[in-house]
Amino acid sequence: MKGEHIIMRGVVNNSRILHPLPDGCAGRKIRAVWLLLNEADFTAKYEAVHHRNAFLDDVMHDWNQKGNALRYHAHSSEQGDVVDIIVFFEEAT
């Protein structure tokens, strides 16, 4: 998956925590969230590839957006793990 994205660092996998989106992302709709597995491989082409450099998390099952915040409760890592994720946004219109 390619497109406009950010890497959010230090995200806690916990359904009770809302992680604010970074400055400049307010009002943006999240298209996809990936658990970052291999940053060097991802940044070589800025392309997330499932099971190679990232793991695609499912909307609602693993994450959901609440306004300008993200709730991350993924099954790709253990509850309480602190992880880095890639957040891809819908195309700006």
PDB file of N, CA and C in Angstrom:
ATOM      1  N   MET A   1       0.850  -1.178   0.000  1.00  0.00           N
ATOM      2  CA  MET A   1       0.000   0.000   0.000  1.00  0.00           C
ATOM      3  C   MET A   1       0.891   1.235   0.000  1.00  0.00           C
ATOM      4  N   LYS A   2       0.609   2.123  -0.911  1.00  0.00           N
ATOM      5  CA  LYS A   2       1.311   3.397  -0.982  1.00  0.00           C
ATOM      6  C   LYS A   2       0.318   4.515  -0.752  1.00  0.00           C
ATOM      7  N   GLY A   3       0.824   5.687  -0.502  1.00  0.00           N
ATOM      8  CA  GLY A   3      -0.033   6.848  -0.320  1.00  0.00           C
ATOM      9  C   GLY A   3       0.445   7.678   0.848  1.00  0.00           C
ATOM     10  N   GLU A   4      -0.299   8.733   1.115  1.00  0.00           N
ATOM     11  CA  GLU A   4       0.077   9.624   2.207  1.00  0.00           C
ATOM     12  C   GLU A   4      -0.069   8.904   3.543  1.00  0.00           C
ATOM     13  N   HIS A   5       0.980   8.971   4.326  1.00  0.00           N
ATOM     14  CA  HIS A   5       1.003   8.230   5.577  1.00  0.00           C
ATOM     15  C   HIS A   5       1.867   8.940   6.618  1.00  0.00           C
ATOM     16  N   ILE A   6       1.739   8.490   7.853  1.00  0.00           N
ATOM     17  CA  ILE A   6       2.628   8.892   8.933  1.00  0.00           C
ATOM     18  C   ILE A   6       3.000   7.635   9.706  1.00  0.00           C
ATOM     19  N   ILE A   7       4.103   7.694  10.408  1.00  0.00           N
ATOM     20  CA  ILE A   7       4.461   6.633  11.352  1.00  0.00           C
ATOM     21  C   ILE A   7       4.205   7.188  12.745  1.00  0.00           C
ATOM     22  N   MET A   8       3.341   6.524  13.480  1.00  0.00           N
ATOM     23  CA  MET A   8       3.089   6.899  14.871  1.00  0.00           C
ATOM     24  C   MET A   8       3.933   5.977  15.744  1.00  0.00           C
ATOM     25  N   ARG A   9       4.754   6.561  16.573  1.00  0.00           N
ATOM     26  CA  ARG A   9       5.670   5.798  17.419  1.00  0.00           C
ATOM     27  C   ARG A   9       5.146   5.730  18.860  1.00  0.00           C
ATOM     28  N   GLY A  10       5.452   4.618  19.489  1.00  0.00           N
ATOM     29  CA  GLY A  10       5.105   4.467  20.891  1.00  0.00           C
ATOM     30  C   GLY A  10       3.626   4.338  21.165  1.00  0.00           C
ATOM     31  N   VAL A  11       2.907   3.682  20.264  1.00  0.00           N
ATOM     32  CA  VAL A  11       1.460   3.486  20.416  1.00  0.00           C
ATOM     33  C   VAL A  11       1.221   2.281  21.327  1.00  0.00           C
ATOM     34  N   VAL A  12       0.426   2.487  22.357  1.00  0.00           N
ATOM     35  CA  VAL A  12       0.111   1.401  23.284  1.00  0.00           C
ATOM     36  C   VAL A  12      -1.097   0.631  22.758  1.00  0.00           C
ATOM     37  N   ASN A  13      -0.965  -0.674  22.672  1.00  0.00           N
ATOM     38  CA  ASN A  13      -2.063  -1.543  22.249  1.00  0.00           C
ATOM     39  C   ASN A  13      -3.003  -1.721  23.435  1.00  0.00           C
ATOM     40  N   ASN A  14      -4.047  -0.874  23.465  1.00  0.00           N
ATOM     41  CA  ASN A  14      -4.987  -0.900  24.578  1.00  0.00           C
ATOM     42  C   ASN A  14      -6.273  -0.211  24.129  1.00  0.00           C
ATOM     43  N   SER A  15      -7.380  -0.908  24.223  1.00  0.00           N
ATOM     44  CA  SER A  15      -8.654  -0.377  23.731  1.00  0.00           C
ATOM     45  C   SER A  15      -9.167   0.806  24.534  1.00  0.00           C
ATOM     46  N   ARG A  16      -8.607   1.054  25.704  1.00  0.00           N
ATOM     47  CA  ARG A  16      -9.075   2.161  26.545  1.00  0.00           C
ATOM     48  C   ARG A  16      -8.306   3.458  26.316  1.00  0.00           C
ATOM     49  N   ILE A  17      -7.284   3.414  25.453  1.00  0.00           N
ATOM     50  CA  ILE A  17      -6.462   4.602  25.236  1.00  0.00           C
ATOM     51  C   ILE A  17      -6.759   5.198  23.862  1.00  0.00           C
ATOM     52  N   LEU A  18      -6.990   6.509  23.833  1.00  0.00           N
ATOM     53  CA  LEU A  18      -7.115   7.240  22.573  1.00  0.00           C
ATOM     54  C   LEU A  18      -5.795   7.942  22.310  1.00  0.00           C
ATOM     55  N   HIS A  19      -5.196   7.654  21.156  1.00  0.00           N
ATOM     56  CA  HIS A  19      -3.942   8.270  20.753  1.00  0.00           C
ATOM     57  C   HIS A  19      -4.257   9.431  19.809  1.00  0.00           C
ATOM     58  N   PRO A  20      -3.964  10.680  20.221  1.00  0.00           N
ATOM     59  CA  PRO A  20      -4.225  11.814  19.331  1.00  0.00           C
ATOM     60  C   PRO A  20      -3.390  11.708  18.062  1.00  0.00           C
ATOM     61  N   LEU A  21      -3.991  12.059  16.932  1.00  0.00           N
ATOM     62  CA  LEU A  21      -3.224  12.124  15.693  1.00  0.00           C
ATOM     63  C   LEU A  21      -2.267  13.311  15.780  1.00  0.00           C
ATOM     64  N   PRO A  22      -1.093  13.198  15.194  1.00  0.00           N
ATOM     65  CA  PRO A  22      -0.117  14.297  15.256  1.00  0.00           C
ATOM     66  C   PRO A  22      -0.643  15.569  14.600  1.00  0.00           C
ATOM     67  N   ASP A  23       0.006  16.690  14.953  1.00  0.00           N
ATOM     68  CA  ASP A  23      -0.327  17.975  14.342  1.00  0.00           C
ATOM     69  C   ASP A  23      -0.302  17.838  12.825  1.00  0.00           C
ATOM     70  N   GLY A  24      -1.202  18.504  12.175  1.00  0.00           N
ATOM     71  CA  GLY A  24      -1.286  18.463  10.721  1.00  0.00           C
ATOM     72  C   GLY A  24      -2.183  17.358  10.195  1.00  0.00           C
ATOM     73  N   CYS A  25      -2.645  16.484  11.085  1.00  0.00           N
ATOM     74  CA  CYS A  25      -3.504  15.370  10.655  1.00  0.00           C
ATOM     75  C   CYS A  25      -4.956  15.564  11.085  1.00  0.00           C
ATOM     76  N   ALA A  26      -5.236  16.664  11.758  1.00  0.00           N
ATOM     77  CA  ALA A  26      -6.601  16.920  12.223  1.00  0.00           C
ATOM     78  C   ALA A  26      -7.557  16.955  11.037  1.00  0.00           C
ATOM     79  N   GLY A  27      -8.678  16.291  11.206  1.00  0.00           N
ATOM     80  CA  GLY A  27      -9.694  16.271  10.158  1.00  0.00           C
ATOM     81  C   GLY A  27      -9.468  15.242   9.075  1.00  0.00           C
ATOM     82  N   ARG A  28      -8.347  14.523   9.121  1.00  0.00           N
ATOM     83  CA  ARG A  28      -8.057  13.518   8.096  1.00  0.00           C
ATOM     84  C   ARG A  28      -8.725  12.197   8.460  1.00  0.00           C
ATOM     85  N   LYS A  29      -9.251  11.510   7.460  1.00  0.00           N
ATOM     86  CA  LYS A  29      -9.865  10.187   7.666  1.00  0.00           C
ATOM     87  C   LYS A  29      -8.813   9.111   7.426  1.00  0.00           C
ATOM     88  N   ILE A  30      -8.700   8.212   8.381  1.00  0.00           N
ATOM     89  CA  ILE A  30      -7.743   7.117   8.274  1.00  0.00           C
ATOM     90  C   ILE A  30      -8.286   6.063   7.326  1.00  0.00           C
ATOM     91  N   ARG A  31      -7.452   5.618   6.402  1.00  0.00           N
ATOM     92  CA  ARG A  31      -7.811   4.578   5.434  1.00  0.00           C
ATOM     93  C   ARG A  31      -7.350   3.205   5.901  1.00  0.00           C
ATOM     94  N   ALA A  32      -6.128   3.127   6.484  1.00  0.00           N
ATOM     95  CA  ALA A  32      -5.578   1.844   6.899  1.00  0.00           C
ATOM     96  C   ALA A  32      -4.538   2.055   7.981  1.00  0.00           C
ATOM     97  N   VAL A  33      -4.388   1.035   8.831  1.00  0.00           N
ATOM     98  CA  VAL A  33      -3.372   1.035   9.877  1.00  0.00           C
ATOM     99  C   VAL A  33      -2.599  -0.269   9.776  1.00  0.00           C
ATOM    100  N   TRP A  34      -1.275  -0.140   9.814  1.00  0.00           N
ATOM    101  CA  TRP A  34      -0.384  -1.293   9.731  1.00  0.00           C
ATOM    102  C   TRP A  34       0.559  -1.300  10.932  1.00  0.00           C
ATOM    103  N   LEU A  35       0.805  -2.469  11.513  1.00  0.00           N
ATOM    104  CA  LEU A  35       1.853  -2.633  12.508  1.00  0.00           C
ATOM    105  C   LEU A  35       3.180  -2.655  11.759  1.00  0.00           C
ATOM    106  N   LEU A  36       4.105  -1.787  12.125  1.00  0.00           N
ATOM    107  CA  LEU A  36       5.399  -1.700  11.443  1.00  0.00           C
ATOM    108  C   LEU A  36       6.320  -2.803  11.944  1.00  0.00           C
ATOM    109  N   LEU A  37       6.766  -3.664  11.036  1.00  0.00           N
ATOM    110  CA  LEU A  37       7.647  -4.781  11.389  1.00  0.00           C
ATOM    111  C   LEU A  37       9.104  -4.515  11.042  1.00  0.00           C
ATOM    112  N   ASN A  38       9.353  -3.908   9.880  1.00  0.00           N
ATOM    113  CA  ASN A  38      10.712  -3.669   9.401  1.00  0.00           C
ATOM    114  C   ASN A  38      10.750  -2.290   8.750  1.00  0.00           C
ATOM    115  N   GLU A  39      11.176  -1.301   9.528  1.00  0.00           N
ATOM    116  CA  GLU A  39      11.132   0.078   9.037  1.00  0.00           C
ATOM    117  C   GLU A  39      12.072   0.306   7.868  1.00  0.00           C
ATOM    118  N   ALA A  40      13.254  -0.298   7.890  1.00  0.00           N
ATOM    119  CA  ALA A  40      14.211  -0.100   6.791  1.00  0.00           C
ATOM    120  C   ALA A  40      13.626  -0.599   5.475  1.00  0.00           C
ATOM    121  N   ASP A  41      12.985  -1.751   5.501  1.00  0.00           N
ATOM    122  CA  ASP A  41      12.367  -2.290   4.287  1.00  0.00           C
ATOM    123  C   ASP A  41      11.204  -1.406   3.838  1.00  0.00           C
ATOM    124  N   PHE A  42      10.398  -0.935   4.783  1.00  0.00           N
ATOM    125  CA  PHE A  42       9.270  -0.064   4.435  1.00  0.00           C
ATOM    126  C   PHE A  42       9.759   1.238   3.816  1.00  0.00           C
ATOM    127  N   THR A  43      10.750   1.876   4.426  1.00  0.00           N
ATOM    128  CA  THR A  43      11.189   3.179   3.940  1.00  0.00           C
ATOM    129  C   THR A  43      11.993   3.099   2.646  1.00  0.00           C
ATOM    130  N   ALA A  44      12.428   1.919   2.253  1.00  0.00           N
ATOM    131  CA  ALA A  44      13.142   1.783   0.982  1.00  0.00           C
ATOM    132  C   ALA A  44      12.252   2.204  -0.189  1.00  0.00           C
ATOM    133  N   LYS A  45      10.956   1.897  -0.117  1.00  0.00           N
ATOM    134  CA  LYS A  45      10.017   2.246  -1.196  1.00  0.00           C
ATOM    135  C   LYS A  45       8.750   2.906  -0.671  1.00  0.00           C
ATOM    136  N   TYR A  46       8.650   3.066   0.637  1.00  0.00           N
ATOM    137  CA  TYR A  46       7.434   3.575   1.276  1.00  0.00           C
ATOM    138  C   TYR A  46       6.216   2.794   0.805  1.00  0.00           C
ATOM    139  N   GLU A  47       6.377   1.485   0.853  1.00  0.00           N
ATOM    140  CA  GLU A  47       5.291   0.577   0.484  1.00  0.00           C
ATOM    141  C   GLU A  47       5.158  -0.490   1.561  1.00  0.00           C
ATOM    142  N   ALA A  48       3.979  -0.564   2.167  1.00  0.00           N
ATOM    143  CA  ALA A  48       3.713  -1.586   3.172  1.00  0.00           C
ATOM    144  C   ALA A  48       3.328  -2.882   2.475  1.00  0.00           C
ATOM    145  N   VAL A  49       4.007  -3.963   2.841  1.00  0.00           N
ATOM    146  CA  VAL A  49       3.737  -5.282   2.272  1.00  0.00           C
ATOM    147  C   VAL A  49       3.434  -6.228   3.435  1.00  0.00           C
ATOM    148  N   HIS A  50       2.225  -6.801   3.403  1.00  0.00           N
ATOM    149  CA  HIS A  50       1.743  -7.652   4.493  1.00  0.00           C
ATOM    150  C   HIS A  50       2.691  -8.821   4.748  1.00  0.00           C
ATOM    151  N   HIS A  51       3.060  -8.989   6.003  1.00  0.00           N
ATOM    152  CA  HIS A  51       3.947 -10.053   6.501  1.00  0.00           C
ATOM    153  C   HIS A  51       5.408  -9.875   6.099  1.00  0.00           C
ATOM    154  N   ARG A  52       5.760  -8.849   5.336  1.00  0.00           N
ATOM    155  CA  ARG A  52       7.165  -8.617   5.004  1.00  0.00           C
ATOM    156  C   ARG A  52       7.731  -7.463   5.832  1.00  0.00           C
ATOM    157  N   ASN A  53       7.099  -6.305   5.727  1.00  0.00           N
ATOM    158  CA  ASN A  53       7.600  -5.175   6.500  1.00  0.00           C
ATOM    159  C   ASN A  53       6.534  -4.562   7.411  1.00  0.00           C
ATOM    160  N   ALA A  54       5.314  -5.072   7.304  1.00  0.00           N
ATOM    161  CA  ALA A  54       4.215  -4.556   8.116  1.00  0.00           C
ATOM    162  C   ALA A  54       3.111  -5.615   8.191  1.00  0.00           C
ATOM    163  N   PHE A  55       2.192  -5.404   9.108  1.00  0.00           N
ATOM    164  CA  PHE A  55       1.055  -6.312   9.256  1.00  0.00           C
ATOM    165  C   PHE A  55      -0.210  -5.466   9.216  1.00  0.00           C
ATOM    166  N   LEU A  56      -1.081  -5.752   8.260  1.00  0.00           N
ATOM    167  CA  LEU A  56      -2.307  -4.979   8.080  1.00  0.00           C
ATOM    168  C   LEU A  56      -3.307  -5.298   9.190  1.00  0.00           C
ATOM    169  N   ASP A  57      -3.693  -4.257   9.926  1.00  0.00           N
ATOM    170  CA  ASP A  57      -4.698  -4.391  10.975  1.00  0.00           C
ATOM    171  C   ASP A  57      -6.066  -4.023  10.411  1.00  0.00           C
ATOM    172  N   ASP A  58      -7.109  -4.685  10.911  1.00  0.00           N
ATOM    173  CA  ASP A  58      -8.470  -4.491  10.411  1.00  0.00           C
ATOM    174  C   ASP A  58      -9.185  -3.368  11.164  1.00  0.00           C
ATOM    175  N   VAL A  59      -9.874  -2.520  10.397  1.00  0.00           N
ATOM    176  CA  VAL A  59     -10.688  -1.482  11.013  1.00  0.00           C
ATOM    177  C   VAL A  59     -11.775  -2.144  11.855  1.00  0.00           C
ATOM    178  N   MET A  60     -12.080  -1.571  12.982  1.00  0.00           N
ATOM    179  CA  MET A  60     -13.052  -2.015  13.982  1.00  0.00           C
ATOM    180  C   MET A  60     -12.546  -3.238  14.758  1.00  0.00           C
ATOM    181  N   HIS A  61     -11.996  -4.221  14.097  1.00  0.00           N
ATOM    182  CA  HIS A  61     -11.483  -5.400  14.795  1.00  0.00           C
ATOM    183  C   HIS A  61     -10.201  -5.067  15.547  1.00  0.00           C
ATOM    184  N   ASP A  62      -9.345  -4.208  14.965  1.00  0.00           N
ATOM    185  CA  ASP A  62      -8.040  -3.882  15.545  1.00  0.00           C
ATOM    186  C   ASP A  62      -7.839  -2.398  15.839  1.00  0.00           C
ATOM    187  N   TRP A  63      -8.608  -1.555  15.204  1.00  0.00           N
ATOM    188  CA  TRP A  63      -8.458  -0.112  15.413  1.00  0.00           C
ATOM    189  C   TRP A  63      -9.733   0.602  14.992  1.00  0.00           C
ATOM    190  N   ASN A  64      -9.916   1.808  15.492  1.00  0.00           N
ATOM    191  CA  ASN A  64     -10.988   2.673  15.011  1.00  0.00           C
ATOM    192  C   ASN A  64     -10.597   4.121  15.273  1.00  0.00           C
ATOM    193  N   GLN A  65     -11.157   4.988  14.478  1.00  0.00           N
ATOM    194  CA  GLN A  65     -10.879   6.414  14.583  1.00  0.00           C
ATOM    195  C   GLN A  65     -12.001   7.083  15.352  1.00  0.00           C
ATOM    196  N   LYS A  66     -11.637   7.925  16.291  1.00  0.00           N
ATOM    197  CA  LYS A  66     -12.587   8.727  17.071  1.00  0.00           C
ATOM    198  C   LYS A  66     -12.207  10.183  16.874  1.00  0.00           C
ATOM    199  N   GLY A  67     -12.799  10.827  15.894  1.00  0.00           N
ATOM    200  CA  GLY A  67     -12.458  12.212  15.599  1.00  0.00           C
ATOM    201  C   GLY A  67     -11.004  12.334  15.172  1.00  0.00           C
ATOM    202  N   ASN A  68     -10.227  13.067  15.942  1.00  0.00           N
ATOM    203  CA  ASN A  68      -8.816  13.262  15.637  1.00  0.00           C
ATOM    204  C   ASN A  68      -7.919  12.377  16.496  1.00  0.00           C
ATOM    205  N   ALA A  69      -8.444  11.214  16.853  1.00  0.00           N
ATOM    206  CA  ALA A  69      -7.669  10.269  17.664  1.00  0.00           C
ATOM    207  C   ALA A  69      -7.877   8.849  17.132  1.00  0.00           C
ATOM    208  N   LEU A  70      -6.954   7.995  17.498  1.00  0.00           N
ATOM    209  CA  LEU A  70      -6.969   6.599  17.070  1.00  0.00           C
ATOM    210  C   LEU A  70      -7.012   5.706  18.300  1.00  0.00           C
ATOM    211  N   ARG A  71      -7.918   4.759  18.282  1.00  0.00           N
ATOM    212  CA  ARG A  71      -7.959   3.721  19.318  1.00  0.00           C
ATOM    213  C   ARG A  71      -7.342   2.470  18.685  1.00  0.00           C
ATOM    214  N   TYR A  72      -6.252   1.980  19.284  1.00  0.00           N
ATOM    215  CA  TYR A  72      -5.521   0.843  18.721  1.00  0.00           C
ATOM    216  C   TYR A  72      -5.614  -0.337  19.682  1.00  0.00           C
ATOM    217  N   HIS A  73      -6.301  -1.379  19.248  1.00  0.00           N
ATOM    218  CA  HIS A  73      -6.536  -2.570  20.081  1.00  0.00           C
ATOM    219  C   HIS A  73      -6.327  -3.815  19.216  1.00  0.00           C
ATOM    220  N   ALA A  74      -5.143  -3.885  18.618  1.00  0.00           N
ATOM    221  CA  ALA A  74      -4.863  -4.884  17.584  1.00  0.00           C
ATOM    222  C   ALA A  74      -4.567  -6.270  18.142  1.00  0.00           C
ATOM    223  N   HIS A  75      -4.826  -7.248  17.303  1.00  0.00           N
ATOM    224  CA  HIS A  75      -4.490  -8.638  17.604  1.00  0.00           C
ATOM    225  C   HIS A  75      -3.123  -9.014  17.035  1.00  0.00           C
ATOM    226  N   SER A  76      -2.469  -8.067  16.362  1.00  0.00           N
ATOM    227  CA  SER A  76      -1.149  -8.320  15.780  1.00  0.00           C
ATOM    228  C   SER A  76      -0.036  -8.187  16.813  1.00  0.00           C
ATOM    229  N   SER A  77      -0.364  -7.697  17.997  1.00  0.00           N
ATOM    230  CA  SER A  77       0.578  -7.618  19.107  1.00  0.00           C
ATOM    231  C   SER A  77      -0.211  -7.848  20.392  1.00  0.00           C
ATOM    232  N   GLU A  78       0.499  -8.008  21.480  1.00  0.00           N
ATOM    233  CA  GLU A  78      -0.155  -8.268  22.767  1.00  0.00           C
ATOM    234  C   GLU A  78      -0.724  -6.982  23.365  1.00  0.00           C
ATOM    235  N   GLN A  79      -1.804  -7.106  24.117  1.00  0.00           N
ATOM    236  CA  GLN A  79      -2.350  -5.947  24.807  1.00  0.00           C
ATOM    237  C   GLN A  79      -1.272  -5.388  25.726  1.00  0.00           C
ATOM    238  N   GLY A  80      -1.114  -4.071  25.697  1.00  0.00           N
ATOM    239  CA  GLY A  80      -0.112  -3.401  26.507  1.00  0.00           C
ATOM    240  C   GLY A  80       1.220  -3.200  25.805  1.00  0.00           C
ATOM    241  N   ASP A  81       1.444  -3.911  24.675  1.00  0.00           N
ATOM    242  CA  ASP A  81       2.680  -3.709  23.913  1.00  0.00           C
ATOM    243  C   ASP A  81       2.740  -2.271  23.406  1.00  0.00           C
ATOM    244  N   VAL A  82       3.945  -1.732  23.343  1.00  0.00           N
ATOM    245  CA  VAL A  82       4.171  -0.411  22.774  1.00  0.00           C
ATOM    246  C   VAL A  82       4.808  -0.623  21.411  1.00  0.00           C
ATOM    247  N   VAL A  83       4.131  -0.152  20.360  1.00  0.00           N
ATOM    248  CA  VAL A  83       4.534  -0.462  18.987  1.00  0.00           C
ATOM    249  C   VAL A  83       4.572   0.801  18.137  1.00  0.00           C
ATOM    250  N   ASP A  84       5.165   0.673  16.969  1.00  0.00           N
ATOM    251  CA  ASP A  84       5.121   1.713  15.948  1.00  0.00           C
ATOM    252  C   ASP A  84       4.151   1.247  14.869  1.00  0.00           C
ATOM    253  N   ILE A  85       3.325   2.155  14.396  1.00  0.00           N
ATOM    254  CA  ILE A  85       2.342   1.811  13.365  1.00  0.00           C
ATOM    255  C   ILE A  85       2.429   2.807  12.225  1.00  0.00           C
ATOM    256  N   ILE A  86       1.993   2.347  11.048  1.00  0.00           N
ATOM    257  CA  ILE A  86       1.891   3.213   9.877  1.00  0.00           C
ATOM    258  C   ILE A  86       0.416   3.517   9.680  1.00  0.00           C
ATOM    259  N   VAL A  87       0.102   4.791   9.572  1.00  0.00           N
ATOM    260  CA  VAL A  87      -1.282   5.224   9.373  1.00  0.00           C
ATOM    261  C   VAL A  87      -1.375   5.846   7.986  1.00  0.00           C
ATOM    262  N   PHE A  88      -2.199   5.245   7.139  1.00  0.00           N
ATOM    263  CA  PHE A  88      -2.452   5.776   5.792  1.00  0.00           C
ATOM    264  C   PHE A  88      -3.779   6.526   5.814  1.00  0.00           C
ATOM    265  N   PHE A  89      -3.806   7.671   5.126  1.00  0.00           N
ATOM    266  CA  PHE A  89      -4.993   8.514   5.107  1.00  0.00           C
ATOM    267  C   PHE A  89      -5.688   8.455   3.757  1.00  0.00           C
ATOM    268  N   GLU A  90      -7.003   8.736   3.795  1.00  0.00           N
ATOM    269  CA  GLU A  90      -7.764   8.907   2.562  1.00  0.00           C
ATOM    270  C   GLU A  90      -7.138  10.049   1.769  1.00  0.00           C
ATOM    271  N   GLU A  91      -7.289  10.005   0.473  1.00  0.00           N
ATOM    272  CA  GLU A  91      -6.761  11.070  -0.379  1.00  0.00           C
ATOM    273  C   GLU A  91      -7.478  12.364  -0.064  1.00  0.00           C
ATOM    274  N   ALA A  92      -6.712  13.449   0.013  1.00  0.00           N
ATOM    275  CA  ALA A  92      -7.306  14.772   0.249  1.00  0.00           C
ATOM    276  C   ALA A  92      -8.062  15.197  -1.003  1.00  0.00           C
ATOM    277  N   THR A  93      -9.212  15.814  -0.813  1.00  0.00           N
ATOM    278  CA  THR A  93     -10.012  16.253  -1.957  1.00  0.00           C
ATOM    279  C   THR A  93      -9.919  17.743  -2.143  1.00  0.00           C
TER     280      THR A  93
END
